[in-house]
Amino acid sequence: MSDMAQADASAASSSPQDANEPSVQPSPEETAKCAHCGKAPDAVKECNRCHSVSYCNKDCQKSHFKAHKKECASLAQAYMSKHTPKLASRAPPKETNRNTGFKKWQFDT
């Protein structure tokens, strides 16, 4: 019986179901490192265009830009296809005295 238990255990460990399970990826906060120097500072800033790399300061961003520039456009397209852009909304027009006077005239006649 122990041979059968070992066979079941080995079959379970090599089942294709294990290969299809999604891997657990750490959150971006855990992996946030500067793309240029590799440091993990308290506050990193993402590339505004592709959001795939982070930098600890402007100097590292400028130094790494030549290498990142080649892939940034394609990464930005991939990011935009998955995320909707945040657009600024326009404030509603303010009611001015000119508009109020016109409305009053319109209803008085």
PDB file of N, CA and C in Angstrom:
ATOM      1  N   MET A   1       0.797  -1.188   0.000  1.00  0.00           N
ATOM      2  CA  MET A   1       0.000   0.000   0.000  1.00  0.00           C
ATOM      3  C   MET A   1       0.843   1.257   0.000  1.00  0.00           C
ATOM      4  N   SER A   2       1.994   1.218   0.619  1.00  0.00           N
ATOM      5  CA  SER A   2       2.849   2.393   0.652  1.00  0.00           C
ATOM      6  C   SER A   2       3.373   2.724  -0.738  1.00  0.00           C
ATOM      7  N   ASP A   3       3.559   1.702  -1.595  1.00  0.00           N
ATOM      8  CA  ASP A   3       3.990   1.960  -2.968  1.00  0.00           C
ATOM      9  C   ASP A   3       2.922   2.741  -3.729  1.00  0.00           C
ATOM     10  N   MET A   4       1.654   2.419  -3.482  1.00  0.00           N
ATOM     11  CA  MET A   4       0.565   3.108  -4.155  1.00  0.00           C
ATOM     12  C   MET A   4       0.480   4.561  -3.680  1.00  0.00           C
ATOM     13  N   ALA A   5       0.707   4.806  -2.411  1.00  0.00           N
ATOM     14  CA  ALA A   5       0.674   6.166  -1.875  1.00  0.00           C
ATOM     15  C   ALA A   5       1.801   6.998  -2.462  1.00  0.00           C
ATOM     16  N   GLN A   6       2.992   6.364  -2.627  1.00  0.00           N
ATOM     17  CA  GLN A   6       4.116   7.074  -3.229  1.00  0.00           C
ATOM     18  C   GLN A   6       3.826   7.385  -4.688  1.00  0.00           C
ATOM     19  N   ALA A   7       3.197   6.450  -5.404  1.00  0.00           N
ATOM     20  CA  ALA A   7       2.873   6.670  -6.808  1.00  0.00           C
ATOM     21  C   ALA A   7       1.867   7.810  -6.948  1.00  0.00           C
ATOM     22  N   ASP A   8       0.863   7.844  -6.053  1.00  0.00           N
ATOM     23  CA  ASP A   8      -0.118   8.924  -6.091  1.00  0.00           C
ATOM     24  C   ASP A   8       0.534  10.270  -5.788  1.00  0.00           C
ATOM     25  N   ALA A   9       1.442  10.288  -4.838  1.00  0.00           N
ATOM     26  CA  ALA A   9       2.125  11.526  -4.470  1.00  0.00           C
ATOM     27  C   ALA A   9       2.997  12.027  -5.607  1.00  0.00           C
ATOM     28  N   SER A  10       3.704  11.114  -6.286  1.00  0.00           N
ATOM     29  CA  SER A  10       4.565  11.538  -7.390  1.00  0.00           C
ATOM     30  C   SER A  10       3.729  11.980  -8.579  1.00  0.00           C
ATOM     31  N   ALA A  11       2.583  11.337  -8.809  1.00  0.00           N
ATOM     32  CA  ALA A  11       1.707  11.740  -9.903  1.00  0.00           C
ATOM     33  C   ALA A  11       1.104  13.108  -9.619  1.00  0.00           C
ATOM     34  N   ALA A  12       0.762  13.354  -8.384  1.00  0.00           N
ATOM     35  CA  ALA A  12       0.174  14.643  -8.021  1.00  0.00           C
ATOM     36  C   ALA A  12       1.186  15.769  -8.153  1.00  0.00           C
ATOM     37  N   SER A  13       2.448  15.497  -7.853  1.00  0.00           N
ATOM     38  CA  SER A  13       3.454  16.550  -7.929  1.00  0.00           C
ATOM     39  C   SER A  13       3.834  16.879  -9.357  1.00  0.00           C
ATOM     40  N   SER A  14       3.667  15.940 -10.284  1.00  0.00           N
ATOM     41  CA  SER A  14       4.044  16.196 -11.667  1.00  0.00           C
ATOM     42  C   SER A  14       2.830  16.413 -12.549  1.00  0.00           C
ATOM     43  N   SER A  15       1.675  16.681 -11.971  1.00  0.00           N
ATOM     44  CA  SER A  15       0.466  16.870 -12.766  1.00  0.00           C
ATOM     45  C   SER A  15       0.559  18.183 -13.533  1.00  0.00           C
ATOM     46  N   PRO A  16      -0.058  18.233 -14.714  1.00  0.00           N
ATOM     47  CA  PRO A  16      -0.017  19.466 -15.496  1.00  0.00           C
ATOM     48  C   PRO A  16      -0.801  20.601 -14.848  1.00  0.00           C
ATOM     49  N   GLN A  17      -1.637  20.290 -13.882  1.00  0.00           N
ATOM     50  CA  GLN A  17      -2.397  21.324 -13.193  1.00  0.00           C
ATOM     51  C   GLN A  17      -1.464  22.286 -12.470  1.00  0.00           C
ATOM     52  N   ASP A  18      -0.340  21.785 -11.936  1.00  0.00           N
ATOM     53  CA  ASP A  18       0.616  22.648 -11.251  1.00  0.00           C
ATOM     54  C   ASP A  18       1.218  23.668 -12.205  1.00  0.00           C
ATOM     55  N   ALA A  19       1.467  23.253 -13.451  1.00  0.00           N
ATOM     56  CA  ALA A  19       2.075  24.153 -14.420  1.00  0.00           C
ATOM     57  C   ALA A  19       1.099  25.246 -14.846  1.00  0.00           C
ATOM     58  N   ASN A  20      -0.207  24.959 -14.790  1.00  0.00           N
ATOM     59  CA  ASN A  20      -1.199  25.933 -15.229  1.00  0.00           C
ATOM     60  C   ASN A  20      -1.611  26.912 -14.145  1.00  0.00           C
ATOM     61  N   GLU A  21      -1.213  26.683 -12.913  1.00  0.00           N
ATOM     62  CA  GLU A  21      -1.574  27.587 -11.830  1.00  0.00           C
ATOM     63  C   GLU A  21      -0.859  28.922 -12.012  1.00  0.00           C
ATOM     64  N   PRO A  22      -1.572  30.022 -11.808  1.00  0.00           N
ATOM     65  CA  PRO A  22      -0.910  31.322 -11.946  1.00  0.00           C
ATOM     66  C   PRO A  22       0.112  31.525 -10.842  1.00  0.00           C
ATOM     67  N   SER A  23       1.221  32.103 -11.228  1.00  0.00           N
ATOM     68  CA  SER A  23       2.254  32.362 -10.232  1.00  0.00           C
ATOM     69  C   SER A  23       1.866  33.594  -9.429  1.00  0.00           C
ATOM     70  N   VAL A  24       2.204  33.585  -8.173  1.00  0.00           N
ATOM     71  CA  VAL A  24       1.903  34.716  -7.306  1.00  0.00           C
ATOM     72  C   VAL A  24       3.004  35.743  -7.480  1.00  0.00           C
ATOM     73  N   GLN A  25       2.623  36.934  -7.944  1.00  0.00           N
ATOM     74  CA  GLN A  25       3.603  37.988  -8.164  1.00  0.00           C
ATOM     75  C   GLN A  25       3.514  38.992  -7.029  1.00  0.00           C
ATOM     76  N   PRO A  26       4.650  39.477  -6.587  1.00  0.00           N
ATOM     77  CA  PRO A  26       4.632  40.467  -5.506  1.00  0.00           C
ATOM     78  C   PRO A  26       4.013  41.768  -5.982  1.00  0.00           C
ATOM     79  N   SER A  27       3.499  42.531  -5.060  1.00  0.00           N
ATOM     80  CA  SER A  27       2.877  43.804  -5.403  1.00  0.00           C
ATOM     81  C   SER A  27       3.941  44.795  -5.870  1.00  0.00           C
ATOM     82  N   PRO A  28       3.541  45.824  -6.640  1.00  0.00           N
ATOM     83  CA  PRO A  28       4.518  46.805  -7.128  1.00  0.00           C
ATOM     84  C   PRO A  28       5.266  47.510  -6.015  1.00  0.00           C
ATOM     85  N   GLU A  29       4.634  47.675  -4.852  1.00  0.00           N
ATOM     86  CA  GLU A  29       5.319  48.346  -3.753  1.00  0.00           C
ATOM     87  C   GLU A  29       6.502  47.523  -3.266  1.00  0.00           C
ATOM     88  N   GLU A  30       6.368  46.185  -3.331  1.00  0.00           N
ATOM     89  CA  GLU A  30       7.444  45.324  -2.857  1.00  0.00           C
ATOM     90  C   GLU A  30       8.615  45.300  -3.837  1.00  0.00           C
ATOM     91  N   THR A  31       8.352  45.456  -5.132  1.00  0.00           N
ATOM     92  CA  THR A  31       9.403  45.348  -6.134  1.00  0.00           C
ATOM     93  C   THR A  31       9.853  46.698  -6.662  1.00  0.00           C
ATOM     94  N   ALA A  32       9.387  47.793  -6.102  1.00  0.00           N
ATOM     95  CA  ALA A  32       9.735  49.116  -6.600  1.00  0.00           C
ATOM     96  C   ALA A  32      11.210  49.394  -6.351  1.00  0.00           C
ATOM     97  N   LYS A  33      11.971  49.337  -7.425  1.00  0.00           N
ATOM     98  CA  LYS A  33      13.397  49.654  -7.374  1.00  0.00           C
ATOM     99  C   LYS A  33      13.704  50.613  -8.502  1.00  0.00           C
ATOM    100  N   CYS A  34      14.727  51.382  -8.305  1.00  0.00           N
ATOM    101  CA  CYS A  34      15.164  52.298  -9.344  1.00  0.00           C
ATOM    102  C   CYS A  34      15.695  51.479 -10.521  1.00  0.00           C
ATOM    103  N   ALA A  35      15.242  51.793 -11.737  1.00  0.00           N
ATOM    104  CA  ALA A  35      15.661  51.051 -12.918  1.00  0.00           C
ATOM    105  C   ALA A  35      17.120  51.317 -13.266  1.00  0.00           C
ATOM    106  N   HIS A  36      17.671  52.427 -12.787  1.00  0.00           N
ATOM    107  CA  HIS A  36      19.055  52.759 -13.115  1.00  0.00           C
ATOM    108  C   HIS A  36      20.032  52.242 -12.064  1.00  0.00           C
ATOM    109  N   CYS A  37      19.822  52.594 -10.809  1.00  0.00           N
ATOM    110  CA  CYS A  37      20.801  52.227  -9.778  1.00  0.00           C
ATOM    111  C   CYS A  37      20.392  51.000  -8.969  1.00  0.00           C
ATOM    112  N   GLY A  38      19.124  50.574  -9.061  1.00  0.00           N
ATOM    113  CA  GLY A  38      18.681  49.375  -8.367  1.00  0.00           C
ATOM    114  C   GLY A  38      18.345  49.560  -6.903  1.00  0.00           C
ATOM    115  N   LYS A  39      18.443  50.771  -6.410  1.00  0.00           N
ATOM    116  CA  LYS A  39      18.115  51.024  -5.006  1.00  0.00           C
ATOM    117  C   LYS A  39      16.604  50.931  -4.806  1.00  0.00           C
ATOM    118  N   ALA A  40      16.217  50.624  -3.590  1.00  0.00           N
ATOM    119  CA  ALA A  40      14.804  50.579  -3.239  1.00  0.00           C
ATOM    120  C   ALA A  40      14.514  51.695  -2.243  1.00  0.00           C
ATOM    121  N   PRO A  41      14.412  52.933  -2.709  1.00  0.00           N
ATOM    122  CA  PRO A  41      14.183  54.050  -1.793  1.00  0.00           C
ATOM    123  C   PRO A  41      12.743  54.074  -1.296  1.00  0.00           C
ATOM    124  N   ASP A  42      12.475  54.978  -0.375  1.00  0.00           N
ATOM    125  CA  ASP A  42      11.125  55.107   0.177  1.00  0.00           C
ATOM    126  C   ASP A  42      10.123  55.530  -0.896  1.00  0.00           C
ATOM    127  N   ALA A  43      10.508  56.462  -1.752  1.00  0.00           N
ATOM    128  CA  ALA A  43       9.591  56.966  -2.768  1.00  0.00           C
ATOM    129  C   ALA A  43      10.235  56.866  -4.142  1.00  0.00           C
ATOM    130  N   VAL A  44       9.663  56.052  -5.003  1.00  0.00           N
ATOM    131  CA  VAL A  44      10.125  55.971  -6.384  1.00  0.00           C
ATOM    132  C   VAL A  44       9.040  56.557  -7.270  1.00  0.00           C
ATOM    133  N   LYS A  45       9.447  57.086  -8.409  1.00  0.00           N
ATOM    134  CA  LYS A  45       8.503  57.684  -9.338  1.00  0.00           C
ATOM    135  C   LYS A  45       8.519  56.889 -10.636  1.00  0.00           C
ATOM    136  N   GLU A  46       7.321  56.580 -11.152  1.00  0.00           N
ATOM    137  CA  GLU A  46       7.194  55.811 -12.386  1.00  0.00           C
ATOM    138  C   GLU A  46       7.451  56.688 -13.595  1.00  0.00           C
ATOM    139  N   CYS A  47       7.782  56.037 -14.700  1.00  0.00           N
ATOM    140  CA  CYS A  47       7.836  56.719 -15.985  1.00  0.00           C
ATOM    141  C   CYS A  47       6.409  57.172 -16.289  1.00  0.00           C
ATOM    142  N   ASN A  48       6.216  58.444 -16.584  1.00  0.00           N
ATOM    143  CA  ASN A  48       4.871  58.978 -16.811  1.00  0.00           C
ATOM    144  C   ASN A  48       4.223  58.425 -18.065  1.00  0.00           C
ATOM    145  N   ARG A  49       5.030  57.930 -18.984  1.00  0.00           N
ATOM    146  CA  ARG A  49       4.484  57.475 -20.255  1.00  0.00           C
ATOM    147  C   ARG A  49       4.072  56.011 -20.217  1.00  0.00           C
ATOM    148  N   CYS A  50       4.962  55.120 -19.758  1.00  0.00           N
ATOM    149  CA  CYS A  50       4.673  53.684 -19.833  1.00  0.00           C
ATOM    150  C   CYS A  50       4.338  53.053 -18.493  1.00  0.00           C
ATOM    151  N   HIS A  51       4.681  53.691 -17.407  1.00  0.00           N
ATOM    152  CA  HIS A  51       4.393  53.209 -16.045  1.00  0.00           C
ATOM    153  C   HIS A  51       5.015  51.844 -15.753  1.00  0.00           C
ATOM    154  N   SER A  52       6.073  51.468 -16.459  1.00  0.00           N
ATOM    155  CA  SER A  52       6.662  50.145 -16.246  1.00  0.00           C
ATOM    156  C   SER A  52       7.988  50.187 -15.505  1.00  0.00           C
ATOM    157  N   VAL A  53       8.642  51.320 -15.459  1.00  0.00           N
ATOM    158  CA  VAL A  53       9.905  51.433 -14.730  1.00  0.00           C
ATOM    159  C   VAL A  53       9.799  52.565 -13.713  1.00  0.00           C
ATOM    160  N   SER A  54      10.599  52.464 -12.679  1.00  0.00           N
ATOM    161  CA  SER A  54      10.592  53.473 -11.618  1.00  0.00           C
ATOM    162  C   SER A  54      11.993  54.019 -11.416  1.00  0.00           C
ATOM    163  N   TYR A  55      12.061  55.233 -10.929  1.00  0.00           N
ATOM    164  CA  TYR A  55      13.338  55.889 -10.669  1.00  0.00           C
ATOM    165  C   TYR A  55      13.302  56.538  -9.296  1.00  0.00           C
ATOM    166  N   CYS A  56      14.482  56.617  -8.671  1.00  0.00           N
ATOM    167  CA  CYS A  56      14.539  57.228  -7.342  1.00  0.00           C
ATOM    168  C   CYS A  56      14.668  58.745  -7.436  1.00  0.00           C
ATOM    169  N   ASN A  57      15.232  59.257  -8.540  1.00  0.00           N
ATOM    170  CA  ASN A  57      15.338  60.709  -8.695  1.00  0.00           C
ATOM    171  C   ASN A  57      15.503  61.061 -10.172  1.00  0.00           C
ATOM    172  N   LYS A  58      15.526  62.345 -10.480  1.00  0.00           N
ATOM    173  CA  LYS A  58      15.626  62.818 -11.865  1.00  0.00           C
ATOM    174  C   LYS A  58      16.956  62.441 -12.509  1.00  0.00           C
ATOM    175  N   ASP A  59      18.040  62.421 -11.722  1.00  0.00           N
ATOM    176  CA  ASP A  59      19.346  62.082 -12.282  1.00  0.00           C
ATOM    177  C   ASP A  59      19.359  60.654 -12.818  1.00  0.00           C
ATOM    178  N   CYS A  60      18.803  59.724 -12.045  1.00  0.00           N
ATOM    179  CA  CYS A  60      18.740  58.333 -12.500  1.00  0.00           C
ATOM    180  C   CYS A  60      17.834  58.211 -13.721  1.00  0.00           C
ATOM    181  N   GLN A  61      16.756  58.961 -13.758  1.00  0.00           N
ATOM    182  CA  GLN A  61      15.847  58.906 -14.895  1.00  0.00           C
ATOM    183  C   GLN A  61      16.541  59.400 -16.163  1.00  0.00           C
ATOM    184  N   LYS A  62      17.279  60.502 -16.053  1.00  0.00           N
ATOM    185  CA  LYS A  62      17.989  61.042 -17.212  1.00  0.00           C
ATOM    186  C   LYS A  62      19.090  60.100 -17.677  1.00  0.00           C
ATOM    187  N   SER A  63      19.798  59.480 -16.730  1.00  0.00           N
ATOM    188  CA  SER A  63      20.884  58.571 -17.086  1.00  0.00           C
ATOM    189  C   SER A  63      20.364  57.310 -17.767  1.00  0.00           C
ATOM    190  N   HIS A  64      19.203  56.841 -17.375  1.00  0.00           N
ATOM    191  CA  HIS A  64      18.664  55.582 -17.901  1.00  0.00           C
ATOM    192  C   HIS A  64      17.800  55.791 -19.142  1.00  0.00           C
ATOM    193  N   PHE A  65      17.511  57.038 -19.508  1.00  0.00           N
ATOM    194  CA  PHE A  65      16.554  57.295 -20.577  1.00  0.00           C
ATOM    195  C   PHE A  65      16.991  56.741 -21.923  1.00  0.00           C
ATOM    196  N   LYS A  66      18.277  56.794 -22.249  1.00  0.00           N
ATOM    197  CA  LYS A  66      18.727  56.277 -23.547  1.00  0.00           C
ATOM    198  C   LYS A  66      18.394  54.799 -23.698  1.00  0.00           C
ATOM    199  N   ALA A  67      18.567  54.037 -22.640  1.00  0.00           N
ATOM    200  CA  ALA A  67      18.250  52.607 -22.693  1.00  0.00           C
ATOM    201  C   ALA A  67      16.736  52.381 -22.669  1.00  0.00           C
ATOM    202  N   HIS A  68      16.029  53.176 -21.899  1.00  0.00           N
ATOM    203  CA  HIS A  68      14.584  52.984 -21.742  1.00  0.00           C
ATOM    204  C   HIS A  68      13.797  53.512 -22.938  1.00  0.00           C
ATOM    205  N   LYS A  69      14.341  54.491 -23.641  1.00  0.00           N
ATOM    206  CA  LYS A  69      13.644  55.141 -24.747  1.00  0.00           C
ATOM    207  C   LYS A  69      13.234  54.139 -25.825  1.00  0.00           C
ATOM    208  N   LYS A  70      14.056  53.129 -26.054  1.00  0.00           N
ATOM    209  CA  LYS A  70      13.794  52.152 -27.114  1.00  0.00           C
ATOM    210  C   LYS A  70      12.538  51.331 -26.845  1.00  0.00           C
ATOM    211  N   GLU A  71      12.274  51.023 -25.607  1.00  0.00           N
ATOM    212  CA  GLU A  71      11.136  50.173 -25.278  1.00  0.00           C
ATOM    213  C   GLU A  71       9.939  50.939 -24.727  1.00  0.00           C
ATOM    214  N   CYS A  72      10.110  52.201 -24.419  1.00  0.00           N
ATOM    215  CA  CYS A  72       9.065  52.970 -23.746  1.00  0.00           C
ATOM    216  C   CYS A  72       7.795  53.082 -24.592  1.00  0.00           C
ATOM    217  N   ALA A  73       7.915  53.326 -25.885  1.00  0.00           N
ATOM    218  CA  ALA A  73       6.734  53.517 -26.728  1.00  0.00           C
ATOM    219  C   ALA A  73       5.870  52.264 -26.781  1.00  0.00           C
ATOM    220  N   SER A  74       6.493  51.111 -26.951  1.00  0.00           N
ATOM    221  CA  SER A  74       5.707  49.874 -27.012  1.00  0.00           C
ATOM    222  C   SER A  74       5.096  49.539 -25.657  1.00  0.00           C
ATOM    223  N   LEU A  75       5.832  49.804 -24.578  1.00  0.00           N
ATOM    224  CA  LEU A  75       5.283  49.571 -23.242  1.00  0.00           C
ATOM    225  C   LEU A  75       4.130  50.529 -22.946  1.00  0.00           C
ATOM    226  N   ALA A  76       4.228  51.750 -23.453  1.00  0.00           N
ATOM    227  CA  ALA A  76       3.155  52.726 -23.247  1.00  0.00           C
ATOM    228  C   ALA A  76       1.888  52.293 -23.976  1.00  0.00           C
ATOM    229  N   GLN A  77       2.031  51.743 -25.189  1.00  0.00           N
ATOM    230  CA  GLN A  77       0.863  51.250 -25.918  1.00  0.00           C
ATOM    231  C   GLN A  77       0.209  50.097 -25.178  1.00  0.00           C
ATOM    232  N   ALA A  78       1.016  49.203 -24.634  1.00  0.00           N
ATOM    233  CA  ALA A  78       0.475  48.078 -23.873  1.00  0.00           C
ATOM    234  C   ALA A  78      -0.240  48.573 -22.622  1.00  0.00           C
ATOM    235  N   TYR A  79       0.331  49.567 -21.969  1.00  0.00           N
ATOM    236  CA  TYR A  79      -0.294  50.130 -20.765  1.00  0.00           C
ATOM    237  C   TYR A  79      -1.630  50.785 -21.108  1.00  0.00           C
ATOM    238  N   MET A  80      -1.664  51.562 -22.190  1.00  0.00           N
ATOM    239  CA  MET A  80      -2.886  52.264 -22.564  1.00  0.00           C
ATOM    240  C   MET A  80      -3.980  51.303 -23.013  1.00  0.00           C
ATOM    241  N   SER A  81      -3.614  50.151 -23.575  1.00  0.00           N
ATOM    242  CA  SER A  81      -4.635  49.191 -23.991  1.00  0.00           C
ATOM    243  C   SER A  81      -5.290  48.522 -22.787  1.00  0.00           C
ATOM    244  N   LYS A  82      -4.588  48.473 -21.664  1.00  0.00           N
ATOM    245  CA  LYS A  82      -5.127  47.834 -20.466  1.00  0.00           C
ATOM    246  C   LYS A  82      -5.783  48.826 -19.512  1.00  0.00           C
ATOM    247  N   HIS A  83      -5.413  50.094 -19.576  1.00  0.00           N
ATOM    248  CA  HIS A  83      -5.907  51.095 -18.633  1.00  0.00           C
ATOM    249  C   HIS A  83      -6.587  52.227 -19.389  1.00  0.00           C
ATOM    250  N   THR A  84      -7.629  52.763 -18.806  1.00  0.00           N
ATOM    251  CA  THR A  84      -8.278  53.921 -19.398  1.00  0.00           C
ATOM    252  C   THR A  84      -7.583  55.175 -18.885  1.00  0.00           C
ATOM    253  N   PRO A  85      -7.329  56.125 -19.751  1.00  0.00           N
ATOM    254  CA  PRO A  85      -6.630  57.336 -19.306  1.00  0.00           C
ATOM    255  C   PRO A  85      -7.506  58.176 -18.390  1.00  0.00           C
ATOM    256  N   LYS A  86      -6.864  58.843 -17.475  1.00  0.00           N
ATOM    257  CA  LYS A  86      -7.568  59.744 -16.562  1.00  0.00           C
ATOM    258  C   LYS A  86      -7.576  61.129 -17.203  1.00  0.00           C
ATOM    259  N   LEU A  87      -8.740  61.562 -17.606  1.00  0.00           N
ATOM    260  CA  LEU A  87      -8.867  62.857 -18.253  1.00  0.00           C
ATOM    261  C   LEU A  87      -9.404  63.877 -17.262  1.00  0.00           C
ATOM    262  N   ALA A  88      -8.915  65.075 -17.382  1.00  0.00           N
ATOM    263  CA  ALA A  88      -9.399  66.149 -16.515  1.00  0.00           C
ATOM    264  C   ALA A  88     -10.785  66.562 -16.987  1.00  0.00           C
ATOM    265  N   SER A  89     -11.664  66.775 -16.066  1.00  0.00           N
ATOM    266  CA  SER A  89     -13.009  67.200 -16.439  1.00  0.00           C
ATOM    267  C   SER A  89     -13.100  68.718 -16.361  1.00  0.00           C
ATOM    268  N   ARG A  90     -13.888  69.261 -17.225  1.00  0.00           N
ATOM    269  CA  ARG A  90     -14.058  70.704 -17.263  1.00  0.00           C
ATOM    270  C   ARG A  90     -15.129  71.100 -16.255  1.00  0.00           C
ATOM    271  N   ALA A  91     -14.879  72.158 -15.549  1.00  0.00           N
ATOM    272  CA  ALA A  91     -15.843  72.656 -14.567  1.00  0.00           C
ATOM    273  C   ALA A  91     -17.046  73.238 -15.304  1.00  0.00           C
ATOM    274  N   PRO A  92     -18.232  73.104 -14.757  1.00  0.00           N
ATOM    275  CA  PRO A  92     -19.405  73.676 -15.420  1.00  0.00           C
ATOM    276  C   PRO A  92     -19.292  75.195 -15.467  1.00  0.00           C
ATOM    277  N   PRO A  93     -19.846  75.810 -16.508  1.00  0.00           N
ATOM    278  CA  PRO A  93     -19.741  77.273 -16.604  1.00  0.00           C
ATOM    279  C   PRO A  93     -20.475  77.947 -15.455  1.00  0.00           C
ATOM    280  N   LYS A  94     -19.889  79.038 -15.002  1.00  0.00           N
ATOM    281  CA  LYS A  94     -20.496  79.780 -13.898  1.00  0.00           C
ATOM    282  C   LYS A  94     -21.644  80.633 -14.433  1.00  0.00           C
ATOM    283  N   GLU A  95     -22.626  80.773 -13.621  1.00  0.00           N
ATOM    284  CA  GLU A  95     -23.780  81.603 -13.969  1.00  0.00           C
ATOM    285  C   GLU A  95     -23.372  83.061 -13.770  1.00  0.00           C
ATOM    286  N   THR A  96     -23.273  83.804 -14.839  1.00  0.00           N
ATOM    287  CA  THR A  96     -22.872  85.212 -14.742  1.00  0.00           C
ATOM    288  C   THR A  96     -24.106  86.103 -14.791  1.00  0.00           C
ATOM    289  N   ASN A  97     -23.894  87.342 -14.477  1.00  0.00           N
ATOM    290  CA  ASN A  97     -25.003  88.302 -14.514  1.00  0.00           C
ATOM    291  C   ASN A  97     -25.566  88.440 -15.921  1.00  0.00           C
ATOM    292  N   ARG A  98     -24.728  88.330 -16.905  1.00  0.00           N
ATOM    293  CA  ARG A  98     -25.175  88.459 -18.295  1.00  0.00           C
ATOM    294  C   ARG A  98     -26.179  87.357 -18.624  1.00  0.00           C
ATOM    295  N   ASN A  99     -25.836  86.112 -18.248  1.00  0.00           N
ATOM    296  CA  ASN A  99     -26.735  84.994 -18.531  1.00  0.00           C
ATOM    297  C   ASN A  99     -28.030  85.099 -17.739  1.00  0.00           C
ATOM    298  N   THR A 100     -27.966  85.551 -16.510  1.00  0.00           N
ATOM    299  CA  THR A 100     -29.166  85.655 -15.679  1.00  0.00           C
ATOM    300  C   THR A 100     -30.085  86.728 -16.230  1.00  0.00           C
ATOM    301  N   GLY A 101     -29.527  87.828 -16.689  1.00  0.00           N
ATOM    302  CA  GLY A 101     -30.351  88.881 -17.266  1.00  0.00           C
ATOM    303  C   GLY A 101     -31.073  88.399 -18.508  1.00  0.00           C
ATOM    304  N   PHE A 102     -30.421  87.631 -19.342  1.00  0.00           N
ATOM    305  CA  PHE A 102     -31.031  87.104 -20.553  1.00  0.00           C
ATOM    306  C   PHE A 102     -32.167  86.150 -20.207  1.00  0.00           C
ATOM    307  N   LYS A 103     -31.947  85.299 -19.219  1.00  0.00           N
ATOM    308  CA  LYS A 103     -32.988  84.356 -18.820  1.00  0.00           C
ATOM    309  C   LYS A 103     -34.205  85.104 -18.279  1.00  0.00           C
ATOM    310  N   LYS A 104     -33.959  86.169 -17.517  1.00  0.00           N
ATOM    311  CA  LYS A 104     -35.061  86.950 -16.957  1.00  0.00           C
ATOM    312  C   LYS A 104     -35.846  87.607 -18.079  1.00  0.00           C
ATOM    313  N   TRP A 105     -35.157  88.181 -19.054  1.00  0.00           N
ATOM    314  CA  TRP A 105     -35.804  88.829 -20.190  1.00  0.00           C
ATOM    315  C   TRP A 105     -36.607  87.812 -20.993  1.00  0.00           C
ATOM    316  N   GLN A 106     -36.046  86.621 -21.142  1.00  0.00           N
ATOM    317  CA  GLN A 106     -36.687  85.583 -21.937  1.00  0.00           C
ATOM    318  C   GLN A 106     -38.033  85.181 -21.317  1.00  0.00           C
ATOM    319  N   PHE A 107     -38.103  85.124 -20.014  1.00  0.00           N
ATOM    320  CA  PHE A 107     -39.339  84.705 -19.366  1.00  0.00           C
ATOM    321  C   PHE A 107     -40.303  85.868 -19.128  1.00  0.00           C
ATOM    322  N   ASP A 108     -39.814  87.103 -19.152  1.00  0.00           N
ATOM    323  CA  ASP A 108     -40.677  88.260 -18.932  1.00  0.00           C
ATOM    324  C   ASP A 108     -41.501  88.587 -20.166  1.00  0.00           C
ATOM    325  N   THR A 109     -41.067  88.193 -21.334  1.00  0.00           N
ATOM    326  CA  THR A 109     -41.784  88.573 -22.553  1.00  0.00           C
ATOM    327  C   THR A 109     -42.846  87.595 -22.929  1.00  0.00           C
TER     328      THR A 109
END
